[in-house]
Amino acid sequence: MLEKVSSYVDKYKMLSKGDRVVLGLSGGADSVALLHVLLAFRQSLGIEIFACHINHGLRGQAADEDQEFCRQLCQKWDLDFFVHQADVRALAKAWQRSEEEAGRIVRYDFYNKLLKETASNRIATGHHKDDQAETILHHIIRGTGIEGLTGIKPVRDHKYIRPLLCVSRLEIEDYLREKGIAYRIDATNLESDYTRNRIRNELLPQLLDYNPALVEGLSRLGSIAYEENDFLSKHTLKLLKERAILGQDYIDFDLKDLSTIHIALQKRLFRLALKKLKGDLDGIGYTHIEDIVKLVAGSEVGSFITLPGGLFARLGYKELRLTKRPARTGLDYFEVSLDIPGQAFIEQLGIYVAGEYVSRDQVVYSDDCIFVDGVKIRGRLRLRQRKAGDRFKPLGMAGSKKLKDYFIDKKIAQDQRDRVPLLVDDDNIIWIVGHQMNEDYKLTSETKRIIKFTFWR
């Protein structure tokens, strides 16, 4: 078994020289065997091992006896030993979770606490092939995708390692028997109170009647799914970096570009984007990703959906935006005066607009400025937000049109229209800032006074 585990550890690069390992020691066959195996590797790899035990407070005297067994074992093998006691039943009630879930949270919180205290970089647990088979079956029963079929990962988050995933429970027990090493038996594992135990004690034995090699087959499925999922995950990350716009609190996908990506990868992109925005995928399930797909496929511009964790998906004219913020439905009204020469600041938008007199030889057009005939300006210049009934005469047009229609034609999303400032005088909209100027204010050969308007953020 040692050679088998050694090859598996090498395959997944679980350990390197000088690693410091926190090992979860329950006293059961799997964790005791893991401890013995890692001790066998300790000298050749130059690793340090710190054993820890969690007393969940669920099994009374038996739990205390498990703790004492682990303490004595570590004393015998000259190992540092750490203990954490918790009232998992009370915590489960307070957290509104099952005792199984609460126990897992307590364990991993303690592992990570010890990781810092001991300056370690690995956390080793004794999961084996049978655990893998049970986990994959559990995921299938609940409903899962490829990632769920990976089951227990050999290495997770670059710190959790499972060196015994390549061996079965029977192999582990045989190993301990050959070495004459004692271990504890948790009688609650023989009960069927939890789904996981029912799978172990009832479902799996029945399925083994159909295929005696089922555990091996499910373990192999997990390995195949792990490798393929790893490839797809890395490819998806590469796609996200190349094909999406990553903002501080949003991620945008170009709709035209998105349509060229296979639907399976689209869904992975959405999951990865949501994970980056939220930090995890808790609460995000299959139906939420499907809702985003439906939003992209057949919704009106401006449509949005609310997702768990304070996230939103909104459809624009050209983009799908996943964001931490809801779609804007409005903005506090703004209106500021602009003197010539001078500049104004629109605080709500973080935009500056300046006006100055220039000579004709200074007229050089760009996207951030316009040049107007100053004689045409009537009354006071202001920068304001749009109003109901606004009309505008775009450059090159003989007549005016509703500002709303202009926004629609230019595919300016509805939730962004209040954020487009308008330069106006007493009679007209002179400039839709950053977009288009008024035909009636353009320079002609008769223009005597030229004003340059510029905006910046």
Protein backbone atom coordinates (compact mmCIF):
# COMPACT_ATOMS: atom_id res chain seq x y z
CA MET A 1 0.00 0.00 0.00
CA LEU A 2 2.88 2.37 0.72
CA GLU A 3 4.09 2.25 -2.90
CA LYS A 4 0.57 2.82 -4.19
CA VAL A 5 0.05 5.87 -1.97
CA SER A 6 3.53 7.19 -2.76
CA SER A 7 2.82 7.06 -6.51
CA TYR A 8 -0.55 8.76 -5.98
CA VAL A 9 1.03 11.52 -3.89
CA ASP A 10 3.64 12.08 -6.62
CA LYS A 11 1.03 12.07 -9.40
CA TYR A 12 -0.90 14.96 -7.86
CA LYS A 13 2.16 16.70 -6.37
CA MET A 14 0.62 16.60 -2.90
CA LEU A 15 3.85 16.91 -0.94
CA SER A 16 7.21 18.57 -1.42
CA LYS A 17 10.35 18.68 0.66
CA GLY A 18 9.92 20.82 3.76
CA ASP A 19 6.11 20.84 3.78
CA ARG A 20 4.41 21.23 7.14
CA VAL A 21 1.24 19.14 7.38
CA VAL A 22 -1.77 19.43 9.69
CA LEU A 23 -3.39 15.97 9.82
CA GLY A 24 -6.96 15.33 10.94
CA LEU A 25 -6.84 12.37 13.33
CA SER A 26 -10.20 10.88 14.36
CA GLY A 27 -8.79 7.62 15.66
CA GLY A 28 -10.54 5.62 12.94
CA ALA A 29 -8.75 3.24 10.57
CA ASP A 30 -8.39 5.75 7.73
CA SER A 31 -6.82 8.62 9.69
CA VAL A 32 -4.57 6.29 11.73
CA ALA A 33 -3.35 4.65 8.51
CA LEU A 34 -2.78 8.08 6.93
CA LEU A 35 -0.71 9.17 9.92
CA HIS A 36 1.40 6.00 9.77
CA VAL A 37 1.93 6.38 6.00
CA LEU A 38 2.99 10.02 6.27
CA LEU A 39 5.37 9.13 9.09
CA ALA A 40 6.94 6.63 6.69
CA PHE A 41 7.43 9.49 4.18
CA ARG A 42 8.58 11.99 6.79
CA GLN A 43 12.30 11.44 6.58
CA SER A 44 12.58 11.06 2.80
CA LEU A 45 10.43 14.13 2.15
CA GLY A 46 11.62 16.17 5.11
CA ILE A 47 8.07 16.99 6.14
CA GLU A 48 6.72 17.92 9.57
CA ILE A 49 3.39 16.55 10.83
CA PHE A 50 0.98 18.07 13.36
CA ALA A 51 -1.89 15.80 14.39
CA CYS A 52 -5.19 17.29 15.49
CA HIS A 53 -8.39 15.81 16.88
CA ILE A 54 -11.86 17.33 17.07
CA ASN A 55 -14.21 16.13 19.80
CA HIS A 56 -17.65 16.96 18.44
CA GLY A 57 -19.37 16.35 21.77
CA LEU A 58 -21.94 14.03 20.16
CA ARG A 59 -20.98 10.57 21.46
CA GLY A 60 -20.40 11.07 25.16
CA GLN A 61 -17.85 8.70 26.72
CA ALA A 62 -17.00 7.10 23.35
CA ALA A 63 -15.89 10.51 22.01
CA ASP A 64 -13.74 11.08 25.07
CA GLU A 65 -12.18 7.65 24.61
CA ASP A 66 -11.43 8.47 20.94
CA GLN A 67 -9.68 11.65 22.06
CA GLU A 68 -7.59 9.80 24.65
CA PHE A 69 -6.69 7.11 22.11
CA CYS A 70 -5.41 9.78 19.67
CA ARG A 71 -3.46 11.52 22.43
CA GLN A 72 -1.73 8.31 23.46
CA LEU A 73 -0.99 7.35 19.84
CA CYS A 74 0.69 10.72 19.17
CA GLN A 75 2.64 10.42 22.42
CA LYS A 76 3.82 6.95 21.37
CA TRP A 77 4.85 8.18 17.91
CA ASP A 78 6.38 11.39 19.32
CA LEU A 79 4.06 13.83 17.54
CA ASP A 80 2.64 17.22 18.46
CA PHE A 81 -1.06 16.75 19.24
CA PHE A 82 -3.79 19.41 19.20
CA VAL A 83 -7.38 19.01 20.43
CA HIS A 84 -10.51 21.06 19.87
CA GLN A 85 -13.79 20.39 21.68
CA ALA A 86 -17.11 21.67 20.36
CA ASP A 87 -20.82 21.30 21.06
CA VAL A 88 -21.76 20.50 17.47
CA ARG A 89 -25.41 19.81 18.32
CA ALA A 90 -25.83 23.31 19.77
CA LEU A 91 -23.91 24.89 16.90
CA ALA A 92 -26.05 23.08 14.33
CA LYS A 93 -29.17 24.48 15.96
CA ALA A 94 -27.73 28.00 16.13
CA TRP A 95 -26.53 27.88 12.52
CA GLN A 96 -29.70 26.16 11.30
CA ARG A 97 -27.70 23.39 9.69
CA SER A 98 -27.55 19.63 10.06
CA GLU A 99 -25.17 18.20 12.67
CA GLU A 100 -23.19 16.68 9.80
CA GLU A 101 -22.71 20.10 8.14
CA ALA A 102 -21.94 21.85 11.42
CA GLY A 103 -19.34 19.20 12.27
CA ARG A 104 -17.63 19.70 8.94
CA ILE A 105 -17.50 23.49 9.45
CA VAL A 106 -16.01 23.03 12.93
CA ARG A 107 -13.37 20.61 11.62
CA TYR A 108 -12.21 22.73 8.74
CA ASP A 109 -12.21 25.92 10.80
CA PHE A 110 -9.92 24.19 13.30
CA TYR A 111 -7.69 22.81 10.55
CA ASN A 112 -7.21 26.28 9.11
CA LYS A 113 -6.61 27.82 12.52
CA LEU A 114 -3.86 25.26 13.14
CA LEU A 115 -2.47 25.87 9.67
CA LYS A 116 -1.63 29.42 10.78
CA GLU A 117 -0.54 28.55 14.31
CA THR A 118 1.92 25.90 13.13
CA ALA A 119 3.00 27.80 9.99
CA SER A 120 1.90 24.79 7.95
CA ASN A 121 0.95 24.69 4.27
CA ARG A 122 -0.93 21.39 3.92
CA ILE A 123 -4.02 19.85 5.54
CA ALA A 124 -4.25 16.07 5.13
CA THR A 125 -7.42 14.04 5.62
CA GLY A 126 -7.94 10.29 5.43
CA HIS A 127 -10.58 10.03 2.70
CA HIS A 128 -10.32 6.81 0.69
CA LYS A 129 -11.91 5.10 -2.35
CA ASP A 130 -15.06 4.06 -0.50
CA ASP A 131 -15.58 7.65 0.70
CA GLN A 132 -15.15 8.74 -2.91
CA ALA A 133 -17.78 6.28 -4.14
CA GLU A 134 -20.22 7.38 -1.43
CA THR A 135 -19.63 11.06 -2.21
CA ILE A 136 -20.20 10.66 -5.95
CA LEU A 137 -23.37 8.63 -5.34
CA HIS A 138 -24.56 11.33 -2.92
CA HIS A 139 -23.97 14.03 -5.54
CA ILE A 140 -25.78 12.01 -8.23
CA ILE A 141 -28.78 11.51 -5.95
CA ARG A 142 -28.99 15.25 -5.25
CA GLY A 143 -28.34 16.17 -8.88
CA THR A 144 -24.97 17.33 -10.14
CA GLY A 145 -22.79 18.33 -13.08
CA ILE A 146 -19.26 17.35 -14.06
CA GLU A 147 -17.74 19.12 -11.06
CA GLY A 148 -19.93 17.10 -8.70
CA LEU A 149 -18.81 13.89 -10.40
CA THR A 150 -15.23 14.69 -9.38
CA GLY A 151 -16.31 13.86 -5.84
CA ILE A 152 -13.54 14.39 -3.31
CA LYS A 153 -10.62 16.13 -5.02
CA PRO A 154 -7.09 14.73 -4.48
CA VAL A 155 -5.89 18.31 -3.97
CA ARG A 156 -8.12 21.30 -3.25
CA ASP A 157 -7.28 24.98 -2.93
CA HIS A 158 -3.56 24.12 -3.08
CA LYS A 159 -3.60 23.01 0.57
CA TYR A 160 -6.06 20.15 1.23
CA ILE A 161 -4.59 16.76 0.30
CA ARG A 162 -6.16 13.27 0.32
CA PRO A 163 -3.31 10.76 -0.11
CA LEU A 164 -5.49 7.67 0.53
CA LEU A 165 -8.04 8.26 -2.26
CA CYS A 166 -6.22 5.58 -4.27
CA VAL A 167 -6.90 2.80 -1.74
CA SER A 168 -10.05 1.13 -0.40
CA ARG A 169 -11.28 0.76 3.16
CA LEU A 170 -10.42 -2.96 2.99
CA GLU A 171 -6.84 -2.19 1.88
CA ILE A 172 -6.47 0.24 4.77
CA GLU A 173 -7.73 -2.26 7.33
CA ASP A 174 -5.45 -4.97 5.90
CA TYR A 175 -2.49 -2.58 6.13
CA LEU A 176 -3.17 -1.81 9.80
CA ARG A 177 -3.68 -5.49 10.58
CA GLU A 178 -0.32 -6.37 8.97
CA LYS A 179 1.42 -3.60 10.93
CA GLY A 180 -0.34 -4.54 14.18
CA ILE A 181 -1.74 -1.03 14.60
CA ALA A 182 -4.92 -0.55 16.62
CA TYR A 183 -7.67 1.93 15.72
CA ARG A 184 -11.06 3.03 16.97
CA ILE A 185 -14.42 2.02 15.51
CA ASP A 186 -17.14 4.67 15.42
CA ALA A 187 -20.36 2.78 16.12
CA THR A 188 -22.45 5.65 14.71
CA ASN A 189 -21.08 4.85 11.24
CA LEU A 190 -23.17 1.66 11.40
CA GLU A 191 -26.34 3.68 12.01
CA SER A 192 -28.40 5.10 9.14
CA ASP A 193 -29.51 8.42 10.62
CA TYR A 194 -27.74 10.53 7.99
CA THR A 195 -28.08 10.31 4.20
CA ARG A 196 -24.36 9.60 3.92
CA ASN A 197 -24.64 6.64 6.31
CA ARG A 198 -27.70 5.29 4.47
CA ILE A 199 -25.72 5.38 1.22
CA ARG A 200 -22.83 3.54 2.93
CA ASN A 201 -24.89 0.98 4.82
CA GLU A 202 -27.91 0.42 2.56
CA LEU A 203 -27.58 1.71 -1.02
CA LEU A 204 -23.94 0.86 -1.80
CA PRO A 205 -24.20 -2.79 -0.65
CA GLN A 206 -27.26 -3.26 -2.90
CA LEU A 207 -25.48 -1.71 -5.89
CA LEU A 208 -22.47 -3.96 -5.30
CA ASP A 209 -24.75 -6.90 -6.07
CA TYR A 210 -25.09 -5.46 -9.61
CA ASN A 211 -21.40 -4.65 -9.96
CA PRO A 212 -18.89 -5.91 -7.37
CA ALA A 213 -16.32 -3.48 -8.82
CA LEU A 214 -18.60 -0.45 -8.34
CA VAL A 215 -16.36 1.30 -5.81
CA GLU A 216 -13.43 1.01 -8.21
CA GLY A 217 -15.62 2.19 -11.09
CA LEU A 218 -16.94 5.24 -9.22
CA SER A 219 -13.42 6.09 -8.09
CA ARG A 220 -12.27 5.90 -11.71
CA LEU A 221 -15.21 8.12 -12.75
CA GLY A 222 -14.11 10.66 -10.16
CA SER A 223 -10.55 10.67 -11.52
CA ILE A 224 -11.70 11.12 -15.12
CA ALA A 225 -14.14 13.87 -14.16
CA TYR A 226 -11.44 15.57 -12.07
CA GLU A 227 -9.00 15.73 -14.97
CA GLU A 228 -11.59 16.87 -17.52
CA ASN A 229 -13.06 19.41 -15.12
CA ASP A 230 -9.58 20.73 -14.38
CA PHE A 231 -8.96 21.25 -18.10
CA LEU A 232 -12.33 22.93 -18.64
CA SER A 233 -11.90 25.15 -15.58
CA LYS A 234 -8.51 26.40 -16.78
CA HIS A 235 -9.87 26.96 -20.30
CA THR A 236 -12.85 28.86 -18.89
CA LEU A 237 -10.58 31.09 -16.81
CA LYS A 238 -8.53 31.84 -19.93
CA LEU A 239 -11.73 32.69 -21.84
CA LEU A 240 -12.95 34.96 -19.07
CA LYS A 241 -9.70 36.93 -19.08
CA GLU A 242 -9.66 37.20 -22.89
CA ARG A 243 -13.34 37.70 -23.72
CA ALA A 244 -14.92 39.55 -20.77
CA ILE A 245 -14.50 43.03 -19.31
CA LEU A 246 -13.67 42.66 -15.62
CA GLY A 247 -14.76 45.67 -13.59
CA GLN A 248 -14.46 46.26 -9.86
CA ASP A 249 -18.02 45.16 -9.14
CA TYR A 250 -19.21 43.91 -12.53
CA ILE A 251 -18.25 41.62 -15.41
CA ASP A 252 -19.45 42.33 -18.96
CA PHE A 253 -19.80 39.87 -21.83
CA ASP A 254 -20.18 41.08 -25.42
CA LEU A 255 -23.41 39.48 -26.71
CA LYS A 256 -22.12 39.01 -30.26
CA ASP A 257 -18.95 37.36 -28.98
CA LEU A 258 -20.92 35.28 -26.48
CA SER A 259 -22.98 33.81 -29.31
CA THR A 260 -19.80 32.24 -30.79
CA ILE A 261 -19.05 30.32 -27.57
CA HIS A 262 -20.54 26.85 -27.01
CA ILE A 263 -23.44 26.90 -24.56
CA ALA A 264 -21.60 24.55 -22.17
CA LEU A 265 -18.71 27.02 -21.93
CA GLN A 266 -21.14 29.95 -21.62
CA LYS A 267 -22.59 28.34 -18.50
CA ARG A 268 -19.13 27.77 -17.07
CA LEU A 269 -18.23 31.39 -17.80
CA PHE A 270 -21.33 32.59 -15.95
CA ARG A 271 -20.56 30.37 -12.95
CA LEU A 272 -16.94 31.54 -12.84
CA ALA A 273 -17.95 35.20 -13.21
CA LEU A 274 -20.48 34.93 -10.38
CA LYS A 275 -17.88 33.21 -8.20
CA LYS A 276 -15.41 36.03 -8.82
CA LEU A 277 -18.01 38.66 -7.92
CA LYS A 278 -19.44 36.85 -4.89
CA GLY A 279 -16.37 35.00 -3.62
CA ASP A 280 -18.11 31.62 -3.72
CA LEU A 281 -21.06 29.86 -5.34
CA ASP A 282 -23.11 29.29 -2.18
CA GLY A 283 -26.78 29.52 -3.16
CA ILE A 284 -25.99 29.61 -6.89
CA GLY A 285 -27.45 26.55 -8.57
CA TYR A 286 -28.35 25.09 -11.95
CA THR A 287 -31.59 27.07 -12.24
CA HIS A 288 -29.82 30.41 -11.75
CA ILE A 289 -27.37 29.71 -14.57
CA GLU A 290 -30.27 28.61 -16.79
CA ASP A 291 -32.06 31.89 -15.96
CA ILE A 292 -29.03 33.83 -17.22
CA VAL A 293 -29.00 31.75 -20.43
CA LYS A 294 -32.70 32.54 -20.96
CA LEU A 295 -32.05 36.23 -20.28
CA VAL A 296 -29.43 36.30 -23.03
CA ALA A 297 -31.48 34.22 -25.46
CA GLY A 298 -34.80 36.00 -25.52
CA SER A 299 -35.25 39.01 -23.26
CA GLU A 300 -35.76 42.69 -24.00
CA VAL A 301 -32.94 45.17 -23.57
CA GLY A 302 -32.93 46.43 -20.00
CA SER A 303 -34.32 43.19 -18.58
CA PHE A 304 -32.59 41.92 -15.46
CA ILE A 305 -32.79 39.10 -12.94
CA THR A 306 -31.91 38.99 -9.28
CA LEU A 307 -29.50 36.27 -8.15
CA PRO A 308 -28.54 34.97 -4.68
CA GLY A 309 -25.91 36.84 -2.72
CA GLY A 310 -26.91 40.31 -3.88
CA LEU A 311 -25.96 39.69 -7.52
CA PHE A 312 -27.79 40.82 -10.66
CA ALA A 313 -27.69 39.98 -14.36
CA ARG A 314 -28.77 42.73 -16.78
CA LEU A 315 -29.13 42.68 -20.55
CA GLY A 316 -27.87 45.70 -22.48
CA TYR A 317 -27.95 46.42 -26.20
CA LYS A 318 -24.55 44.89 -26.78
CA GLU A 319 -23.60 43.28 -23.49
CA LEU A 320 -24.64 41.04 -20.64
CA ARG A 321 -23.60 42.51 -17.31
CA LEU A 322 -23.22 40.44 -14.13
CA THR A 323 -22.89 42.81 -11.21
CA LYS A 324 -23.07 43.29 -7.47
CA ARG A 325 -25.29 46.32 -7.97
CA PRO A 326 -28.91 46.42 -9.18
CA ALA A 327 -29.67 48.03 -12.52
CA ARG A 328 -30.03 51.77 -12.11
CA THR A 329 -33.57 52.98 -12.62
CA GLY A 330 -32.80 56.63 -12.00
CA LEU A 331 -30.37 59.25 -10.73
CA ASP A 332 -30.86 62.37 -8.63
CA TYR A 333 -31.65 65.22 -11.04
CA PHE A 334 -28.71 67.51 -11.81
CA GLU A 335 -28.37 70.91 -13.44
CA VAL A 336 -25.25 73.11 -13.26
CA SER A 337 -24.34 76.39 -14.98
CA LEU A 338 -21.43 76.78 -17.38
CA ASP A 339 -19.70 80.08 -18.05
CA ILE A 340 -17.57 80.83 -21.10
CA PRO A 341 -14.67 80.67 -20.55
CA GLY A 342 -14.99 78.28 -17.62
CA GLN A 343 -15.73 74.74 -16.53
CA ALA A 344 -18.42 72.86 -14.60
CA PHE A 345 -18.34 69.64 -12.59
CA ILE A 346 -21.29 67.23 -12.50
CA GLU A 347 -20.79 65.61 -9.11
CA GLN A 348 -23.33 62.79 -9.65
CA LEU A 349 -21.42 61.59 -12.73
CA GLY A 350 -17.86 62.62 -11.94
CA ILE A 351 -17.73 64.50 -15.28
CA TYR A 352 -16.13 67.86 -16.09
CA VAL A 353 -17.23 70.03 -19.05
CA ALA A 354 -15.29 73.14 -20.10
CA GLY A 355 -15.93 75.89 -22.64
CA GLU A 356 -13.45 78.31 -24.22
CA TYR A 357 -13.18 80.65 -27.17
CA VAL A 358 -10.81 79.46 -29.91
CA SER A 359 -9.68 80.60 -33.33
CA ARG A 360 -10.51 78.69 -36.51
CA ASP A 361 -6.98 77.33 -36.83
CA GLN A 362 -7.44 75.66 -33.41
CA VAL A 363 -10.38 73.59 -34.60
CA VAL A 364 -9.34 69.95 -34.35
CA TYR A 365 -12.21 67.51 -33.86
CA SER A 366 -12.10 64.53 -31.48
CA ASP A 367 -14.54 62.30 -29.60
CA ASP A 368 -14.33 64.36 -26.43
CA CYS A 369 -15.05 67.80 -27.86
CA ILE A 370 -17.26 69.84 -30.21
CA PHE A 371 -16.96 73.28 -31.80
CA VAL A 372 -20.04 75.49 -32.02
CA ASP A 373 -21.01 78.86 -33.46
CA GLY A 374 -21.09 81.06 -30.35
CA VAL A 375 -23.46 83.58 -31.91
CA LYS A 376 -26.18 80.91 -32.09
CA ILE A 377 -26.25 80.40 -28.31
CA ARG A 378 -29.31 81.89 -26.62
CA GLY A 379 -29.33 82.80 -22.95
CA ARG A 380 -27.65 80.84 -20.16
CA LEU A 381 -25.62 77.66 -20.70
CA ARG A 382 -26.35 74.71 -18.39
CA LEU A 383 -25.53 71.04 -18.08
CA ARG A 384 -28.56 69.06 -17.06
CA GLN A 385 -30.21 65.69 -17.05
CA ARG A 386 -32.84 64.73 -19.64
CA LYS A 387 -36.47 65.76 -19.16
CA ALA A 388 -39.73 64.38 -20.50
CA GLY A 389 -40.48 65.84 -23.93
CA ASP A 390 -36.87 66.76 -24.79
CA ARG A 391 -36.25 67.11 -28.54
CA PHE A 392 -32.96 67.32 -30.40
CA LYS A 393 -31.76 68.08 -33.93
CA PRO A 394 -28.79 65.75 -34.61
CA LEU A 395 -25.95 66.96 -36.82
CA GLY A 396 -26.80 66.30 -40.46
CA MET A 397 -30.60 66.16 -39.98
CA ALA A 398 -33.11 68.64 -41.35
CA GLY A 399 -35.62 68.16 -38.53
CA SER A 400 -35.67 67.37 -34.86
CA LYS A 401 -36.55 64.12 -33.11
CA LYS A 402 -37.45 63.04 -29.61
CA LEU A 403 -34.40 62.58 -27.40
CA LYS A 404 -35.87 59.24 -26.32
CA ASP A 405 -35.90 58.07 -29.96
CA TYR A 406 -32.29 59.18 -30.40
CA PHE A 407 -31.26 57.10 -27.37
CA ILE A 408 -33.11 54.09 -28.76
CA ASP A 409 -31.53 54.48 -32.20
CA LYS A 410 -28.07 54.72 -30.63
CA LYS A 411 -28.81 51.72 -28.40
CA ILE A 412 -28.14 53.60 -25.18
CA ALA A 413 -29.55 51.37 -22.44
CA GLN A 414 -32.56 52.73 -20.59
CA ASP A 415 -30.89 52.54 -17.20
CA GLN A 416 -27.95 54.64 -18.54
CA ARG A 417 -29.90 57.49 -20.11
CA ASP A 418 -30.15 59.57 -16.92
CA ARG A 419 -26.35 59.45 -16.81
CA VAL A 420 -25.87 61.20 -20.16
CA PRO A 421 -25.44 64.98 -19.54
CA LEU A 422 -27.00 67.49 -21.93
CA LEU A 423 -25.43 70.89 -22.75
CA VAL A 424 -28.34 73.27 -23.26
CA ASP A 425 -29.09 76.97 -23.73
CA ASP A 426 -32.48 78.62 -23.17
CA ASP A 427 -33.86 77.19 -26.43
CA ASN A 428 -32.20 73.90 -27.37
CA ILE A 429 -30.06 70.91 -26.54
CA ILE A 430 -26.69 71.91 -28.00
CA TRP A 431 -24.78 68.73 -27.24
CA ILE A 432 -25.59 65.26 -26.01
CA VAL A 433 -22.25 65.13 -24.25
CA GLY A 434 -19.99 62.43 -25.61
CA HIS A 435 -22.42 61.56 -28.42
CA GLN A 436 -23.76 64.19 -30.83
CA MET A 437 -24.13 67.97 -31.31
CA ASN A 438 -27.03 70.01 -32.67
CA GLU A 439 -27.15 70.71 -36.43
CA ASP A 440 -28.16 74.35 -35.87
CA TYR A 441 -24.99 75.15 -33.90
CA LYS A 442 -22.38 73.80 -36.34
CA LEU A 443 -19.63 75.99 -37.74
CA THR A 444 -20.14 77.58 -41.14
CA SER A 445 -18.05 79.85 -43.35
CA GLU A 446 -19.94 82.77 -41.74
CA THR A 447 -19.05 81.83 -38.17
CA LYS A 448 -17.32 84.71 -36.37
CA ARG A 449 -17.15 83.37 -32.78
CA ILE A 450 -16.09 79.76 -32.11
CA ILE A 451 -16.55 78.03 -28.77
CA LYS A 452 -14.89 74.73 -28.00
CA PHE A 453 -16.63 72.43 -25.49
CA THR A 454 -14.65 69.55 -23.99
CA PHE A 455 -15.59 66.86 -21.45
CA TRP A 456 -13.51 64.49 -19.33
CA ARG A 457 -13.82 62.29 -16.26
